[in-house]
Amino acid sequence: MKTRSFFSLVAVLCTRMAFVLACTIMLNSKLQAQSPVPFTLNNNSAYPDANVYVAVVGIINDNYVWIDPKTGAVNLMSVANNTVPGPVINGNQGPGGNGRYANCFARLSEIPNKTISIPAIKGCRMLISFNSQLFLYFFGASGAPSGYAAPDLANPTDPNQGIRFETIEIANAPNGLWTNTTRVDHYQYPMGLEVWGNGGFYQKVGEFIPHNQILSLWQSTAPAEFAACYDAANGIIKFPSKTSAFKPGGPQANYFNAYVDAIWSKYRNGNLVFNAGDAGTFNGRVSGDAFIFTRSSDGQVGTISRKPTNTEVMEGSGVMATGSDLDKVVQAQICAAINRHAIDLNLPTGATQDLATAAKYYQTAPYNWYCKFWHRSDISLQSLTYSFCYDDVFNYSSTINSSSPIRATVTIGGFAGTTPSGPVTAYKDCNYGGYAVSLGQGTYTLSQLNALGIQNDDISSLRISAGYKVTLYKHDNFGGAALTLTADDNCLVDNGWNDSTSSLKVEPNSASFSTVIQAEDYSFMSGIDVEPTTDAGGGQNVGWIDAGDWMSYPVTIPANGTYRIDYRVASPNANTSLRLEKDAGATQLGSVTIPNTGGWQNWTTVSHTVNLPAGSYDIGIATTTGGFNLNYLTITSVSGARLAPQIAAVPKADAPTVTLSPNPVREQLQLRGNEKVYLISIYDINGRAIMTVKKPGNIIPVSSLTPGVYIVVLKQQDGSRQSIKIIKQ
């Protein structure tokens, strides 16, 4: 989230955040009654709890508020809150003229159960600082002036200079919880974020390597243009536009100008066509200095009023954040495409541009290298992060949205080294407070539970890892009445099991699946060879992989679903990648970027998630770049991940049959039996929504789709669904 300069007012906090949809809903109405969501802070940092400071600020019913971390009380912001003396740098006494700032922070050690209840709120920021509180200034809850003055790293007299801090952005809205980590302004310390929700919902985002390793990777890989983003004195990395190099007059002040000029020039004489997913397909042309786009479905117009400046491109500000809602849709799409260098100027005008495929991002200069860095799969889980304001375009941000949230955990310091000692944790408190005892796989009698510090009436809640189940028994011989739990967030107080459990068993859930495939165990291959590996465990790896080479492996997948594929790779090269295929390459399952690991035997793991059908078949690994070694791959079932929707539902027996033709298709699909179809959604092979058509007619235009395999889901008025695979030529 971008902030204004220090001592300026903080206005609408929810613009261009991960939870922009939630904020949009709430901007014109009062907050509805939403259930509070407990946010637990897990300290995985190098700082003791007494040196970690936490504050929560936001907006409730159009008033600026702060939440007391120690009590959960919601308070209106007031000038009277400014009682804490702060640093005075070069005579800067702050907005109050007395060097006093808001008393809104608490030490982590002072927060009961390290948990803060977040009520219905918008524009909310959880601020976490180290060794000192931050020095915010409260102007008031409403009227003018109102809000608060936030830290500004570009202001040398800001009292927050030299204080390390991080931010979690939150909206608890009528359409659910929206929350994310952010790198939009800077990186100061690794952070992790997890959300649990009803229906087995679970998602996890954040960094998973240590702070010093992140800084080392930046220093060893950053190109000269972005080197100044690293602030060695404070051990942080600043967003490019926050540095003097990218500001007006700096050596990189015109970094994107030539690319923007070329885009504006090319499309004066022809149309730029792109698909914005659910927002529709747009055709645009430059007239004067304005880029004017028309939506194909309804003729509505979205405009970028003039050519953006370098700062406006990087920050999504100015002409990239003004006008009507449709203007802002277009501006977000084009701003994201410029930062990612996704607009291909080699394509003829009128050709539909593919702006949604991550494999095409950050490949051709100029692009925002800062953003590319944070999307590295060896830094950020699933390569998801909020590295610039429009990173949520096509869902590449670290946004987590749960429509029915139960709780969230913020891991300060990120997930490095946080592998739990056991798959199950028993708690005394259904809010996961109090003591916790980790349980490994096995059986536990009452006496064994007592020895671990668990009395039979102490087990009030159980946290269960994916792939495991717990069976609780009312008799000590593991017999009699039993309760089996296979998902997280099981509070036992309400059903009486907490005061009668005599024994329990922790075991793998038979529904889980994981298999390791050694790279040298291929059935068929082209162009590769094997060699001894120095990776842990020894053996061989596949090497001499050149562009166009491939290997195939037999697999048996137990059930349709989402699977995580982990590849153990090494490469001394940049910009290498592999793709996963089936059906001899006819079906593209997904691709993953391989980082420069520093050598042919310097190993790391990269991952992605894919949808795999049940059955026995061959999968293939292919590459258009080559230049890497592969030791093994692991296929693991994913439980509760917010990925592809379930698109393989069988329609009800009495549902009318709907057909699509032709298949394969080039220009348009003909829909037969569409009388009761109210919604059509088209997904790519990775489960990403590409197109949605409400109340469709009997013709569906698909010329904008790139060639490949897609799943068309037809939803009917009676609730039935039908899934049809199509091939776009």
Foldseek 3Di string as FASTA:
>chain_A
DDADAFLDAGDALFPLDQVVVQCVVPVVHFFDFFFWFKAAEAEPDPADQQFKKKWKWFAHRQWTWTAQQAPRDIGGFDQVQFAQAFDFFPNPLGPVSNRTAGPGMDGCVRHALRIHTGTAGASMKMKMWGNDDAGKGAHTTDDPPGHIGDDQQLDPRRRCPLIAMFIKHWGQGLQFIKIAGACAFWFRFWKKKWFAFPPQAIDIKTWADFLVVLLVVCCVDPDPLQNQQQDVVNSIGGQVCSDQLCDPPHVCVQFLVVVLVLVLVQQQVFWAWEFQFAVAIWTWGDDPAKIWIAHPPPRDIAIQGGRDGPVCLQACDDSLCDDDPRNVSVSLQVSLCSQFVQDDSVDHGPAYGYSQDNLSGPPDPDHRVQLVSQQAQNTMPQSADHNYSSCCRNHRHRMDGDSGTHHMYMYTRHNHPVDDPAQKKFAQDLVRGDDIFHDHAFKAFQVRCVVSVQHLLRRFFMAGHAQKKKKFDLDRVPDDDIDIDHHHRDGCPVPPRSNRTGMMGMDGDPVKDKDKFFQVPFPDWPQWDKDWAPPPPIDIWIARWAAFIKTKDKDAAAAWAKKKKKWKKAFQDASWKKWKAFPVRQATFGMWGDHHQNDQRRIDIGMHMGTDHGGIGMMMIHTRGGGMMTGMMMIIGDTNYPWADPQAADFDPPDDDWDWDDFQDAFKIFIPPCPFFAKKWKAGRRRRTRYIDGPDDRIGTDNSDDFHKIWIWTAGPVGTIDIDIGTYD
